[in-house]
PDB file of N, CA and C in Angstrom:
ATOM      1  N   UNK A   1      -9.561  26.847 -15.308  1.00  0.00           N
ATOM      2  CA  UNK A   1      -9.877  25.541 -14.385  1.00  0.00           C
ATOM      3  C   UNK A   1      -8.828  24.299 -14.176  1.00  0.00           C
ATOM      4  N   UNK A   2      -8.403  23.714 -13.165  1.00  0.00           N
ATOM      5  CA  UNK A   2      -7.609  22.476 -13.493  1.00  0.00           C
ATOM      6  C   UNK A   2      -8.280  21.391 -13.969  1.00  0.00           C
ATOM      7  N   UNK A   3      -8.046  20.834 -15.010  1.00  0.00           N
ATOM      8  CA  UNK A   3      -9.169  18.779 -15.447  1.00  0.00           C
ATOM      9  C   UNK A   3      -8.769  18.500 -14.004  1.00  0.00           C
ATOM     10  N   UNK A   4      -9.923  17.624 -14.541  1.00  0.00           N
ATOM     11  CA  UNK A   4     -10.073  16.683 -12.374  1.00  0.00           C
ATOM     12  C   UNK A   4      -9.468  15.648 -12.754  1.00  0.00           C
ATOM     13  N   UNK A   5      -8.968  14.741 -12.300  1.00  0.00           N
ATOM     14  CA  UNK A   5      -8.338  14.136 -12.367  1.00  0.00           C
ATOM     15  C   UNK A   5      -9.593  12.291 -12.345  1.00  0.00           C
ATOM     16  N   UNK A   6      -9.001  11.758 -12.535  1.00  0.00           N
ATOM     17  CA  UNK A   6      -9.768  10.036 -12.584  1.00  0.00           C
ATOM     18  C   UNK A   6      -9.185   9.447 -11.529  1.00  0.00           C
ATOM     19  N   UNK A   7      -9.815   8.694 -10.615  1.00  0.00           N
ATOM     20  CA  UNK A   7      -9.695   7.810  -9.899  1.00  0.00           C
ATOM     21  C   UNK A   7      -8.988   6.700  -9.965  1.00  0.00           C
ATOM     22  N   UNK A   8      -8.364   5.952  -9.844  1.00  0.00           N
ATOM     23  CA  UNK A   8      -7.925   4.720 -10.297  1.00  0.00           C
ATOM     24  C   UNK A   8      -8.531   3.329  -9.057  1.00  0.00           C
ATOM     25  N   UNK A   9      -8.708   2.488 -10.271  1.00  0.00           N
ATOM     26  CA  UNK A   9      -9.177   1.609  -9.105  1.00  0.00           C
ATOM     27  C   UNK A   9      -8.450   0.919  -8.155  1.00  0.00           C
ATOM     28  N   UNK A  10      -8.279   0.649  -6.795  1.00  0.00           N
ATOM     29  CA  UNK A  10      -7.836  -0.112  -6.252  1.00  0.00           C
ATOM     30  C   UNK A  10      -8.156  -1.796  -5.634  1.00  0.00           C
ATOM     31  N   UNK A  11      -7.357  -2.465  -5.483  1.00  0.00           N
ATOM     32  CA  UNK A  11      -7.097  -3.577  -5.597  1.00  0.00           C
ATOM     33  C   UNK A  11      -6.470  -4.157  -4.266  1.00  0.00           C
ATOM     34  N   UNK A  12      -7.047  -5.335  -3.665  1.00  0.00           N
ATOM     35  CA  UNK A  12      -5.870  -5.910  -2.303  1.00  0.00           C
ATOM     36  C   UNK A  12      -5.240  -7.321  -2.749  1.00  0.00           C
ATOM     37  N   UNK A  13      -3.800  -7.217  -1.979  1.00  0.00           N
ATOM     38  CA  UNK A  13      -3.810  -8.692  -2.651  1.00  0.00           C
ATOM     39  C   UNK A  13      -3.424  -9.557  -1.121  1.00  0.00           C
ATOM     40  N   UNK A  14      -4.127 -10.751  -0.882  1.00  0.00           N
ATOM     41  CA  UNK A  14      -3.178 -11.223  -0.265  1.00  0.00           C
ATOM     42  C   UNK A  14      -4.598 -10.903   1.002  1.00  0.00           C
ATOM     43  N   UNK A  15      -4.188 -11.075   2.509  1.00  0.00           N
ATOM     44  CA  UNK A  15      -5.266 -10.251   3.799  1.00  0.00           C
ATOM     45  C   UNK A  15      -4.837  -9.470   4.224  1.00  0.00           C
ATOM     46  N   UNK A  16      -4.736  -8.027   3.431  1.00  0.00           N
ATOM     47  CA  UNK A  16      -4.159  -7.198   2.945  1.00  0.00           C
ATOM     48  C   UNK A  16      -5.928  -6.512   3.473  1.00  0.00           C
ATOM     49  N   UNK A  17      -6.710  -6.428   2.930  1.00  0.00           N
ATOM     50  CA  UNK A  17      -7.433  -5.530   3.523  1.00  0.00           C
ATOM     51  C   UNK A  17      -7.994  -5.697   4.607  1.00  0.00           C
ATOM     52  N   UNK A  18      -7.760  -7.222   4.950  1.00  0.00           N
ATOM     53  CA  UNK A  18      -8.478  -7.769   5.718  1.00  0.00           C
ATOM     54  C   UNK A  18      -7.874  -7.427   7.179  1.00  0.00           C
ATOM     55  N   UNK A  19      -6.639  -7.083   6.606  1.00  0.00           N
ATOM     56  CA  UNK A  19      -5.624  -6.757   7.962  1.00  0.00           C
ATOM     57  C   UNK A  19      -5.882  -5.233   8.313  1.00  0.00           C
ATOM     58  N   UNK A  20      -5.811  -4.169   7.034  1.00  0.00           N
ATOM     59  CA  UNK A  20      -6.244  -3.326   7.422  1.00  0.00           C
ATOM     60  C   UNK A  20      -6.865  -2.886   8.268  1.00  0.00           C
ATOM     61  N   UNK A  21      -8.073  -3.597   8.232  1.00  0.00           N
ATOM     62  CA  UNK A  21      -9.297  -3.815   8.707  1.00  0.00           C
ATOM     63  C   UNK A  21      -9.052  -3.914  10.573  1.00  0.00           C
ATOM     64  N   UNK A  22      -7.945  -4.665  10.356  1.00  0.00           N
ATOM     65  CA  UNK A  22      -7.667  -5.186  12.357  1.00  0.00           C
ATOM     66  C   UNK A  22      -7.075  -3.958  13.080  1.00  0.00           C
ATOM     67  N   UNK A  23      -7.007  -2.662  12.145  1.00  0.00           N
ATOM     68  CA  UNK A  23      -6.128  -1.422  12.514  1.00  0.00           C
ATOM     69  C   UNK A  23      -7.024  -0.837  13.505  1.00  0.00           C
ATOM     70  N   UNK A  24      -7.017   0.152  14.529  1.00  0.00           N
ATOM     71  CA  UNK A  24      -7.259   1.007  14.967  1.00  0.00           C
ATOM     72  C   UNK A  24      -8.365   1.564  14.133  1.00  0.00           C
ATOM     73  N   UNK A  25      -9.663   2.319  14.316  1.00  0.00           N
ATOM     74  CA  UNK A  25     -10.201   3.529  13.801  1.00  0.00           C
ATOM     75  C   UNK A  25      -9.244   4.365  12.943  1.00  0.00           C
ATOM     76  N   UNK A  26      -9.106   4.798  14.053  1.00  0.00           N
ATOM     77  CA  UNK A  26      -8.169   6.047  13.575  1.00  0.00           C
ATOM     78  C   UNK A  26      -6.950   5.708  12.244  1.00  0.00           C
ATOM     79  N   UNK A  27      -6.172   4.651  12.690  1.00  0.00           N
ATOM     80  CA  UNK A  27      -5.264   3.772  11.911  1.00  0.00           C
ATOM     81  C   UNK A  27      -5.965   4.045  10.604  1.00  0.00           C
ATOM     82  N   UNK A  28      -6.976   3.197  10.303  1.00  0.00           N
ATOM     83  CA  UNK A  28      -7.551   2.744   8.955  1.00  0.00           C
ATOM     84  C   UNK A  28      -7.854   3.944   8.393  1.00  0.00           C
ATOM     85  N   UNK A  29      -8.434   4.857   9.107  1.00  0.00           N
ATOM     86  CA  UNK A  29      -8.575   6.266   8.473  1.00  0.00           C
ATOM     87  C   UNK A  29      -8.117   6.816   7.722  1.00  0.00           C
ATOM     88  N   UNK A  30      -6.533   6.682   8.325  1.00  0.00           N
ATOM     89  CA  UNK A  30      -5.308   7.775   8.077  1.00  0.00           C
ATOM     90  C   UNK A  30      -5.045   7.427   6.764  1.00  0.00           C
ATOM     91  N   UNK A  31      -4.662   5.491   7.182  1.00  0.00           N
ATOM     92  CA  UNK A  31      -4.541   4.741   5.620  1.00  0.00           C
ATOM     93  C   UNK A  31      -5.459   4.479   4.406  1.00  0.00           C
ATOM     94  N   UNK A  32      -6.863   4.613   4.840  1.00  0.00           N
ATOM     95  CA  UNK A  32      -7.670   5.066   3.923  1.00  0.00           C
ATOM     96  C   UNK A  32      -7.361   6.755   2.960  1.00  0.00           C
ATOM     97  N   UNK A  33      -7.267   7.456   4.275  1.00  0.00           N
ATOM     98  CA  UNK A  33      -7.035   8.969   3.535  1.00  0.00           C
ATOM     99  C   UNK A  33      -5.816   8.111   2.238  1.00  0.00           C
ATOM    100  N   UNK A  34      -4.566   7.979   2.818  1.00  0.00           N
ATOM    101  CA  UNK A  34      -3.068   7.771   2.006  1.00  0.00           C
ATOM    102  C   UNK A  34      -3.356   7.019   0.678  1.00  0.00           C
ATOM    103  N   UNK A  35      -4.521   6.260   0.678  1.00  0.00           N
ATOM    104  CA  UNK A  35      -4.724   5.205  -0.311  1.00  0.00           C
ATOM    105  C   UNK A  35      -5.412   6.284  -1.604  1.00  0.00           C
ATOM    106  N   UNK A  36      -6.688   6.803  -0.584  1.00  0.00           N
ATOM    107  CA  UNK A  36      -7.284   7.563  -1.685  1.00  0.00           C
ATOM    108  C   UNK A  36      -6.184   8.664  -2.787  1.00  0.00           C
ATOM    109  N   UNK A  37      -5.205   9.172  -1.927  1.00  0.00           N
ATOM    110  CA  UNK A  37      -4.629   9.816  -2.912  1.00  0.00           C
ATOM    111  C   UNK A  37      -3.910   9.304  -3.823  1.00  0.00           C
ATOM    112  N   UNK A  38      -3.223   8.327  -3.355  1.00  0.00           N
ATOM    113  CA  UNK A  38      -2.602   7.683  -4.780  1.00  0.00           C
ATOM    114  C   UNK A  38      -3.510   6.855  -5.685  1.00  0.00           C
ATOM    115  N   UNK A  39      -4.781   6.484  -5.095  1.00  0.00           N
ATOM    116  CA  UNK A  39      -5.519   6.964  -6.258  1.00  0.00           C
ATOM    117  C   UNK A  39      -5.913   7.655  -6.886  1.00  0.00           C
ATOM    118  N   UNK A  40      -5.644   9.146  -6.830  1.00  0.00           N
ATOM    119  CA  UNK A  40      -6.139   9.825  -7.994  1.00  0.00           C
ATOM    120  C   UNK A  40      -4.671  10.251  -7.854  1.00  0.00           C
ATOM    121  N   UNK A  41      -3.601   9.650  -8.270  1.00  0.00           N
ATOM    122  CA  UNK A  41      -2.500  10.358  -7.961  1.00  0.00           C
ATOM    123  C   UNK A  41      -1.311  11.326  -7.319  1.00  0.00           C
ATOM    124  N   UNK A  42      -1.505  10.909  -6.055  1.00  0.00           N
ATOM    125  CA  UNK A  42      -1.050  12.355  -5.087  1.00  0.00           C
ATOM    126  C   UNK A  42      -0.114  10.987  -4.273  1.00  0.00           C
ATOM    127  N   UNK A  43       0.013  12.235  -3.114  1.00  0.00           N
ATOM    128  CA  UNK A  43       0.956  11.086  -2.194  1.00  0.00           C
ATOM    129  C   UNK A  43       0.910  12.065  -1.215  1.00  0.00           C
ATOM    130  N   UNK A  44       0.055  11.851   0.446  1.00  0.00           N
ATOM    131  CA  UNK A  44       0.254  12.524   1.513  1.00  0.00           C
ATOM    132  C   UNK A  44       2.232  12.619   1.869  1.00  0.00           C
ATOM    133  N   UNK A  45       1.714  13.229   3.108  1.00  0.00           N
ATOM    134  CA  UNK A  45       3.040  13.192   3.732  1.00  0.00           C
ATOM    135  C   UNK A  45       3.405  11.785   4.584  1.00  0.00           C
ATOM    136  N   UNK A  46       2.850  11.181   5.003  1.00  0.00           N
ATOM    137  CA  UNK A  46       3.220   9.823   6.184  1.00  0.00           C
ATOM    138  C   UNK A  46       3.772   8.986   4.707  1.00  0.00           C
ATOM    139  N   UNK A  47       3.429   9.319   4.202  1.00  0.00           N
ATOM    140  CA  UNK A  47       3.805   8.290   2.635  1.00  0.00           C
ATOM    141  C   UNK A  47       5.003   8.492   2.325  1.00  0.00           C
ATOM    142  N   UNK A  48       6.451   6.800   2.477  1.00  0.00           N
ATOM    143  CA  UNK A  48       7.755   7.289   1.574  1.00  0.00           C
ATOM    144  C   UNK A  48       7.738   6.426   0.340  1.00  0.00           C
ATOM    145  N   UNK A  49       8.892   6.506  -0.202  1.00  0.00           N
ATOM    146  CA  UNK A  49       8.948   5.270  -1.205  1.00  0.00           C
ATOM    147  C   UNK A  49       9.843   3.952  -0.443  1.00  0.00           C
ATOM    148  N   UNK A  50       9.366   3.010  -0.658  1.00  0.00           N
ATOM    149  CA  UNK A  50       9.534   1.749  -0.095  1.00  0.00           C
ATOM    150  C   UNK A  50      11.134   1.148  -0.459  1.00  0.00           C
ATOM    151  N   UNK A  51      12.110   1.172   0.792  1.00  0.00           N
ATOM    152  CA  UNK A  51      13.532   1.229  -0.104  1.00  0.00           C
ATOM    153  C   UNK A  51      14.047  -0.606  -0.266  1.00  0.00           C
ATOM    154  N   UNK A  52      14.568  -0.554  -1.596  1.00  0.00           N
ATOM    155  CA  UNK A  52      14.679  -1.937  -1.747  1.00  0.00           C
ATOM    156  C   UNK A  52      14.136  -2.415  -3.269  1.00  0.00           C
ATOM    157  N   UNK A  53      12.979  -1.657  -3.494  1.00  0.00           N
ATOM    158  CA  UNK A  53      12.390  -2.320  -4.870  1.00  0.00           C
ATOM    159  C   UNK A  53      12.640  -1.126  -6.181  1.00  0.00           C
ATOM    160  N   UNK A  54      14.086  -0.817  -5.999  1.00  0.00           N
ATOM    161  CA  UNK A  54      14.595  -0.079  -6.966  1.00  0.00           C
ATOM    162  C   UNK A  54      13.627   0.799  -8.554  1.00  0.00           C
ATOM    163  N   UNK A  55      12.544   1.584  -8.475  1.00  0.00           N
ATOM    164  CA  UNK A  55      11.941   2.180  -8.870  1.00  0.00           C
ATOM    165  C   UNK A  55      10.649   1.146  -9.456  1.00  0.00           C
ATOM    166  N   UNK A  56      10.229   0.502  -8.480  1.00  0.00           N
ATOM    167  CA  UNK A  56       9.257  -0.435  -9.262  1.00  0.00           C
ATOM    168  C   UNK A  56       7.890   0.051  -8.310  1.00  0.00           C
ATOM    169  N   UNK A  57       7.819   1.424  -7.727  1.00  0.00           N
ATOM    170  CA  UNK A  57       6.873   1.967  -7.418  1.00  0.00           C
ATOM    171  C   UNK A  57       5.976   1.614  -6.810  1.00  0.00           C
ATOM    172  N   UNK A  58       6.648   1.294  -5.639  1.00  0.00           N
ATOM    173  CA  UNK A  58       5.991   0.600  -4.194  1.00  0.00           C
ATOM    174  C   UNK A  58       6.588   1.453  -3.226  1.00  0.00           C
ATOM    175  N   UNK A  59       5.169   1.789  -2.458  1.00  0.00           N
ATOM    176  CA  UNK A  59       4.977   2.761  -1.586  1.00  0.00           C
ATOM    177  C   UNK A  59       4.801   2.223   0.088  1.00  0.00           C
ATOM    178  N   UNK A  60       5.355   2.990   1.085  1.00  0.00           N
ATOM    179  CA  UNK A  60       4.632   2.822   2.369  1.00  0.00           C
ATOM    180  C   UNK A  60       4.551   3.536   2.873  1.00  0.00           C
ATOM    181  N   UNK A  61       2.824   3.382   3.643  1.00  0.00           N
ATOM    182  CA  UNK A  61       2.360   4.716   4.404  1.00  0.00           C
ATOM    183  C   UNK A  61       2.512   3.728   6.101  1.00  0.00           C
ATOM    184  N   UNK A  62       3.083   5.209   6.616  1.00  0.00           N
ATOM    185  CA  UNK A  62       3.456   4.732   8.102  1.00  0.00           C
ATOM    186  C   UNK A  62       2.240   5.594   8.887  1.00  0.00           C
ATOM    187  N   UNK A  63       1.981   5.183   9.527  1.00  0.00           N
ATOM    188  CA  UNK A  63       0.724   5.563  10.983  1.00  0.00           C
ATOM    189  C   UNK A  63       0.942   5.508  11.979  1.00  0.00           C
ATOM    190  N   UNK A  64       1.381   6.325  13.065  1.00  0.00           N
ATOM    191  CA  UNK A  64       2.507   6.043  14.622  1.00  0.00           C
ATOM    192  C   UNK A  64       0.463   5.864  15.368  1.00  0.00           C
ATOM    193  N   UNK A  65       0.777   4.764  16.381  1.00  0.00           N
ATOM    194  CA  UNK A  65      -0.820   5.423  16.746  1.00  0.00           C
ATOM    195  C   UNK A  65      -0.440   4.976  18.423  1.00  0.00           C
ATOM    196  N   UNK A  66      -0.656   5.321  19.950  1.00  0.00           N
ATOM    197  CA  UNK A  66      -1.161   4.790  21.072  1.00  0.00           C
ATOM    198  C   UNK A  66       0.174   3.656  21.197  1.00  0.00           C
ATOM    199  N   UNK A  67       1.390   4.763  20.885  1.00  0.00           N
ATOM    200  CA  UNK A  67       2.379   3.873  20.726  1.00  0.00           C
ATOM    201  C   UNK A  67       2.748   3.021  19.492  1.00  0.00           C
ATOM    202  N   UNK A  68       2.805   2.332  18.826  1.00  0.00           N
ATOM    203  CA  UNK A  68       2.388   1.657  17.980  1.00  0.00           C
ATOM    204  C   UNK A  68       2.295   2.199  16.368  1.00  0.00           C
ATOM    205  N   UNK A  69       2.981   1.119  15.459  1.00  0.00           N
ATOM    206  CA  UNK A  69       3.765   1.726  14.032  1.00  0.00           C
ATOM    207  C   UNK A  69       2.922   1.005  13.268  1.00  0.00           C
ATOM    208  N   UNK A  70       2.421   1.395  12.374  1.00  0.00           N
ATOM    209  CA  UNK A  70       1.396   0.926  10.855  1.00  0.00           C
ATOM    210  C   UNK A  70       2.100   0.976  10.217  1.00  0.00           C
ATOM    211  N   UNK A  71       1.785  -0.393   9.639  1.00  0.00           N
ATOM    212  CA  UNK A  71       2.479   0.154   8.810  1.00  0.00           C
ATOM    213  C   UNK A  71       1.288  -0.641   6.638  1.00  0.00           C
ATOM    214  N   UNK A  72       1.109  -0.005   5.442  1.00  0.00           N
ATOM    215  CA  UNK A  72       0.557  -0.570   4.810  1.00  0.00           C
ATOM    216  C   UNK A  72       1.265  -0.135   3.650  1.00  0.00           C
ATOM    217  N   UNK A  73       1.698  -0.896   2.494  1.00  0.00           N
ATOM    218  CA  UNK A  73       2.412  -1.274   1.441  1.00  0.00           C
ATOM    219  C   UNK A  73       1.907  -1.085   0.672  1.00  0.00           C
ATOM    220  N   UNK A  74       1.699  -0.237  -0.523  1.00  0.00           N
ATOM    221  CA  UNK A  74       0.940  -0.508  -1.619  1.00  0.00           C
ATOM    222  C   UNK A  74       1.639  -0.512  -3.349  1.00  0.00           C
ATOM    223  N   UNK A  75       1.418  -0.216  -4.147  1.00  0.00           N
ATOM    224  CA  UNK A  75       2.258  -0.158  -5.111  1.00  0.00           C
ATOM    225  C   UNK A  75       1.213   0.401  -6.807  1.00  0.00           C
ATOM    226  N   UNK A  76       1.733   1.074  -7.086  1.00  0.00           N
ATOM    227  CA  UNK A  76       1.386   2.071  -8.662  1.00  0.00           C
ATOM    228  C   UNK A  76       2.069   1.905 -10.063  1.00  0.00           C
ATOM    229  N   UNK A  77       2.962   0.049  -9.533  1.00  0.00           N
ATOM    230  CA  UNK A  77       3.320  -0.118 -10.886  1.00  0.00           C
ATOM    231  C   UNK A  77       2.956  -0.438 -11.909  1.00  0.00           C
ATOM    232  N   UNK A  78       1.789  -0.742 -11.971  1.00  0.00           N
ATOM    233  CA  UNK A  78       0.596  -1.185 -13.102  1.00  0.00           C
ATOM    234  C   UNK A  78       0.026   0.165 -13.479  1.00  0.00           C
ATOM    235  N   UNK A  79      -0.360   0.429 -14.751  1.00  0.00           N
ATOM    236  CA  UNK A  79      -0.903   1.379 -15.616  1.00  0.00           C
ATOM    237  C   UNK A  79      -2.507   1.878 -14.873  1.00  0.00           C
ATOM    238  N   UNK A  80      -2.809   2.790 -13.999  1.00  0.00           N
ATOM    239  CA  UNK A  80      -4.054   3.743 -13.787  1.00  0.00           C
ATOM    240  C   UNK A  80      -4.955   2.299 -12.707  1.00  0.00           C
ATOM    241  N   UNK A  81      -4.061   1.652 -12.048  1.00  0.00           N
ATOM    242  CA  UNK A  81      -4.357   1.070 -10.940  1.00  0.00           C
ATOM    243  C   UNK A  81      -3.263   0.814  -9.965  1.00  0.00           C
ATOM    244  N   UNK A  82      -3.779   0.865  -8.359  1.00  0.00           N
ATOM    245  CA  UNK A  82      -2.917   0.383  -6.909  1.00  0.00           C
ATOM    246  C   UNK A  82      -3.839  -0.522  -6.449  1.00  0.00           C
ATOM    247  N   UNK A  83      -2.063  -1.066  -5.881  1.00  0.00           N
ATOM    248  CA  UNK A  83      -2.817  -2.202  -5.556  1.00  0.00           C
ATOM    249  C   UNK A  83      -1.960  -2.500  -4.083  1.00  0.00           C
ATOM    250  N   UNK A  84      -2.662  -2.626  -2.942  1.00  0.00           N
ATOM    251  CA  UNK A  84      -2.182  -2.650  -1.722  1.00  0.00           C
ATOM    252  C   UNK A  84      -1.603  -4.347  -1.991  1.00  0.00           C
ATOM    253  N   UNK A  85      -0.163  -3.933  -0.869  1.00  0.00           N
ATOM    254  CA  UNK A  85       0.039  -5.277  -1.027  1.00  0.00           C
ATOM    255  C   UNK A  85       0.614  -6.411   0.433  1.00  0.00           C
ATOM    256  N   UNK A  86       0.931  -5.876   0.914  1.00  0.00           N
ATOM    257  CA  UNK A  86       0.593  -5.869   2.518  1.00  0.00           C
ATOM    258  C   UNK A  86      -0.157  -4.296   3.885  1.00  0.00           C
ATOM    259  N   UNK A  87      -0.137  -5.472   4.829  1.00  0.00           N
ATOM    260  CA  UNK A  87      -0.962  -3.922   5.805  1.00  0.00           C
ATOM    261  C   UNK A  87      -0.674  -4.470   6.733  1.00  0.00           C
ATOM    262  N   UNK A  88       0.764  -4.016   7.751  1.00  0.00           N
ATOM    263  CA  UNK A  88       0.775  -5.235   9.144  1.00  0.00           C
ATOM    264  C   UNK A  88       1.329  -3.970  10.261  1.00  0.00           C
ATOM    265  N   UNK A  89       1.181  -3.813  11.551  1.00  0.00           N
ATOM    266  CA  UNK A  89       1.568  -3.711  12.362  1.00  0.00           C
ATOM    267  C   UNK A  89       3.407  -3.968  13.275  1.00  0.00           C
ATOM    268  N   UNK A  90       4.067  -2.588  13.431  1.00  0.00           N
ATOM    269  CA  UNK A  90       5.659  -3.236  12.904  1.00  0.00           C
ATOM    270  C   UNK A  90       5.335  -3.818  14.572  1.00  0.00           C
ATOM    271  N   UNK A  91       6.226  -4.860  14.648  1.00  0.00           N
ATOM    272  CA  UNK A  91       6.451  -4.844  16.227  1.00  0.00           C
ATOM    273  C   UNK A  91       7.754  -5.702  16.543  1.00  0.00           C
ATOM    274  N   UNK A  92       9.174  -5.374  15.577  1.00  0.00           N
ATOM    275  CA  UNK A  92      10.332  -4.894  15.386  1.00  0.00           C
ATOM    276  C   UNK A  92      10.478  -4.369  16.594  1.00  0.00           C
ATOM    277  N   UNK A  93      11.786  -4.750  17.600  1.00  0.00           N
ATOM    278  CA  UNK A  93      12.375  -3.255  18.554  1.00  0.00           C
ATOM    279  C   UNK A  93      13.366  -3.220  17.955  1.00  0.00           C
ATOM    280  N   UNK A  94      14.111  -3.599  16.902  1.00  0.00           N
ATOM    281  CA  UNK A  94      15.382  -2.948  16.428  1.00  0.00           C
ATOM    282  C   UNK A  94      14.898  -1.996  15.393  1.00  0.00           C
ATOM    283  N   UNK A  95      15.122  -0.909  15.602  1.00  0.00           N
ATOM    284  CA  UNK A  95      14.690   0.224  15.097  1.00  0.00           C
ATOM    285  C   UNK A  95      14.143   0.286  13.900  1.00  0.00           C
ATOM    286  N   UNK A  96      14.167   1.244  12.692  1.00  0.00           N
ATOM    287  CA  UNK A  96      12.689   1.367  11.837  1.00  0.00           C
ATOM    288  C   UNK A  96      12.710   0.744  10.584  1.00  0.00           C
ATOM    289  N   UNK A  97      13.698  -0.742  11.078  1.00  0.00           N
ATOM    290  CA  UNK A  97      13.855  -1.805   9.408  1.00  0.00           C
ATOM    291  C   UNK A  97      12.568  -2.609   9.652  1.00  0.00           C
ATOM    292  N   UNK A  98      12.629  -2.322   8.064  1.00  0.00           N
ATOM    293  CA  UNK A  98      10.864  -3.889   8.397  1.00  0.00           C
ATOM    294  C   UNK A  98      11.673  -4.852   8.164  1.00  0.00           C
ATOM    295  N   UNK A  99      10.730  -5.519   9.172  1.00  0.00           N
ATOM    296  CA  UNK A  99      10.715  -7.081   9.837  1.00  0.00           C
ATOM    297  C   UNK A  99      10.931  -7.612   8.617  1.00  0.00           C
ATOM    298  N   UNK A 100      12.304  -9.288   7.931  1.00  0.00           N
ATOM    299  CA  UNK A 100      12.522  -9.596   7.282  1.00  0.00           C
ATOM    300  C   UNK A 100      10.447  -9.956   6.631  1.00  0.00           C
ATOM    301  N   UNK A 101      10.159 -11.386   7.953  1.00  0.00           N
ATOM    302  CA  UNK A 101       8.701 -12.067   7.388  1.00  0.00           C
ATOM    303  C   UNK A 101       8.198 -10.888   6.421  1.00  0.00           C
ATOM    304  N   UNK A 102       7.778  -9.927   7.122  1.00  0.00           N
ATOM    305  CA  UNK A 102       7.104  -8.565   6.031  1.00  0.00           C
ATOM    306  C   UNK A 102       8.011  -8.083   4.615  1.00  0.00           C
ATOM    307  N   UNK A 103       8.912  -8.316   4.862  1.00  0.00           N
ATOM    308  CA  UNK A 103       9.381  -8.230   3.418  1.00  0.00           C
ATOM    309  C   UNK A 103       9.142  -9.201   2.769  1.00  0.00           C
ATOM    310  N   UNK A 104       9.690 -10.307   3.033  1.00  0.00           N
ATOM    311  CA  UNK A 104       9.206 -11.590   1.959  1.00  0.00           C
ATOM    312  C   UNK A 104       8.157 -11.818   2.001  1.00  0.00           C
ATOM    313  N   UNK A 105       7.038 -11.221   2.644  1.00  0.00           N
ATOM    314  CA  UNK A 105       5.374 -10.743   2.179  1.00  0.00           C
ATOM    315  C   UNK A 105       5.306  -9.924   0.997  1.00  0.00           C
ATOM    316  N   UNK A 106       5.950  -8.773   1.118  1.00  0.00           N
ATOM    317  CA  UNK A 106       5.926  -7.850   0.248  1.00  0.00           C
ATOM    318  C   UNK A 106       6.700  -8.108  -0.893  1.00  0.00           C
ATOM    319  N   UNK A 107       7.880  -8.727  -0.870  1.00  0.00           N
ATOM    320  CA  UNK A 107       7.895  -9.074  -2.319  1.00  0.00           C
ATOM    321  C   UNK A 107       7.172 -10.003  -3.128  1.00  0.00           C
ATOM    322  N   UNK A 108       6.887 -11.075  -2.378  1.00  0.00           N
ATOM    323  CA  UNK A 108       6.027 -11.824  -3.701  1.00  0.00           C
ATOM    324  C   UNK A 108       4.407 -11.201  -3.557  1.00  0.00           C
ATOM    325  N   UNK A 109       4.240 -10.167  -3.552  1.00  0.00           N
ATOM    326  CA  UNK A 109       2.877 -10.098  -3.529  1.00  0.00           C
ATOM    327  C   UNK A 109       2.772  -9.247  -5.227  1.00  0.00           C
ATOM    328  N   UNK A 110       3.335  -8.629  -5.268  1.00  0.00           N
ATOM    329  CA  UNK A 110       3.410  -7.821  -6.752  1.00  0.00           C
ATOM    330  C   UNK A 110       3.274  -9.407  -7.997  1.00  0.00           C
ATOM    331  N   UNK A 111       3.792 -10.014  -7.857  1.00  0.00           N
ATOM    332  CA  UNK A 111       3.812 -11.145  -8.731  1.00  0.00           C
ATOM    333  C   UNK A 111       2.147 -11.646  -8.832  1.00  0.00           C
ATOM    334  N   UNK A 112       1.292 -11.775  -7.556  1.00  0.00           N
ATOM    335  CA  UNK A 112      -0.356 -11.794  -7.950  1.00  0.00           C
ATOM    336  C   UNK A 112      -0.750 -10.728  -7.874  1.00  0.00           C
ATOM    337  N   UNK A 113       0.059  -9.717  -8.049  1.00  0.00           N
ATOM    338  CA  UNK A 113      -1.231  -8.299  -8.489  1.00  0.00           C
ATOM    339  C   UNK A 113      -1.095  -8.620 -10.195  1.00  0.00           C
ATOM    340  N   UNK A 114       0.559  -8.519 -10.094  1.00  0.00           N
ATOM    341  CA  UNK A 114       0.809  -9.176 -11.860  1.00  0.00           C
ATOM    342  C   UNK A 114      -0.754  -9.881 -12.656  1.00  0.00           C
ATOM    343  N   UNK A 115      -1.056 -10.635 -12.191  1.00  0.00           N
ATOM    344  CA  UNK A 115      -1.413 -11.748 -12.517  1.00  0.00           C
ATOM    345  C   UNK A 115      -3.106 -11.429 -12.782  1.00  0.00           C
ATOM    346  N   UNK A 116      -3.170 -11.093 -11.391  1.00  0.00           N
ATOM    347  CA  UNK A 116      -4.770 -10.089 -11.723  1.00  0.00           C
ATOM    348  C   UNK A 116      -4.992  -8.953 -12.039  1.00  0.00           C
ATOM    349  N   UNK A 117      -4.023  -8.352 -12.535  1.00  0.00           N
ATOM    350  CA  UNK A 117      -4.221  -6.968 -13.224  1.00  0.00           C
ATOM    351  C   UNK A 117      -3.746  -6.866 -14.702  1.00  0.00           C
ATOM    352  N   UNK A 118      -3.427  -8.429 -15.813  1.00  0.00           N
ATOM    353  CA  UNK A 118      -3.282  -8.793 -16.703  1.00  0.00           C
ATOM    354  C   UNK A 118      -4.960  -9.576 -17.305  1.00  0.00           C
ATOM    355  N   UNK A 119      -5.522 -10.025 -15.992  1.00  0.00           N
ATOM    356  CA  UNK A 119      -6.272 -10.848 -16.111  1.00  0.00           C
ATOM    357  C   UNK A 119      -7.368  -9.385 -16.495  1.00  0.00           C
ATOM    358  N   UNK A 120      -7.526  -8.735 -15.777  1.00  0.00           N
ATOM    359  CA  UNK A 120      -8.143  -7.113 -15.434  1.00  0.00           C
ATOM    360  C   UNK A 120      -7.716  -6.330 -16.356  1.00  0.00           C
ATOM    361  N   UNK A 121      -7.754  -6.557 -17.405  1.00  0.00           N
ATOM    362  CA  UNK A 121      -7.310  -6.039 -18.540  1.00  0.00           C
ATOM    363  C   UNK A 121      -7.702  -6.036 -19.370  1.00  0.00           C
ATOM    364  N   UNK A 122      -7.607  -7.688 -19.259  1.00  0.00           N
ATOM    365  CA  UNK A 122      -8.661  -8.343 -20.623  1.00  0.00           C
ATOM    366  C   UNK A 122      -9.761  -8.291 -20.480  1.00  0.00           C
ATOM    367  N   UNK A 123     -10.328  -7.645 -20.001  1.00  0.00           N
ATOM    368  CA  UNK A 123     -11.604  -7.735 -19.463  1.00  0.00           C
ATOM    369  C   UNK A 123     -12.174  -6.387 -19.443  1.00  0.00           C
ATOM    370  N   UNK A 124     -11.631  -4.751 -19.642  1.00  0.00           N
ATOM    371  CA  UNK A 124     -12.090  -4.152 -19.668  1.00  0.00           C
ATOM    372  C   UNK A 124     -10.951  -3.346 -21.408  1.00  0.00           C
TER     373      UNK A 124
END
């Protein structure tokens, strides 16, 4: 019998939860499944490592719906937890590159996640 995997807590940074809740219901469902898999230590097919974070455990959930692309970025960098760093609808028409404004937010939010993580760990 396979040992039961433990569900990691999920935390949201900045406006990421509100932003994800603004997506179409179908997109919310798919992203929710991807985040749930991350909480159990797995990874769905629509998840990839976000380039430019060199081994920082930052992943990108990509969901296409009705001609639009929606993305949620999360990290498993901190032991035993998952942090959603950013959720957004990609509006750039220049290829598959992540828009600079979104990258700036994604780069800033691990610091807030780390601060939260240290406080959270101190309480448990």
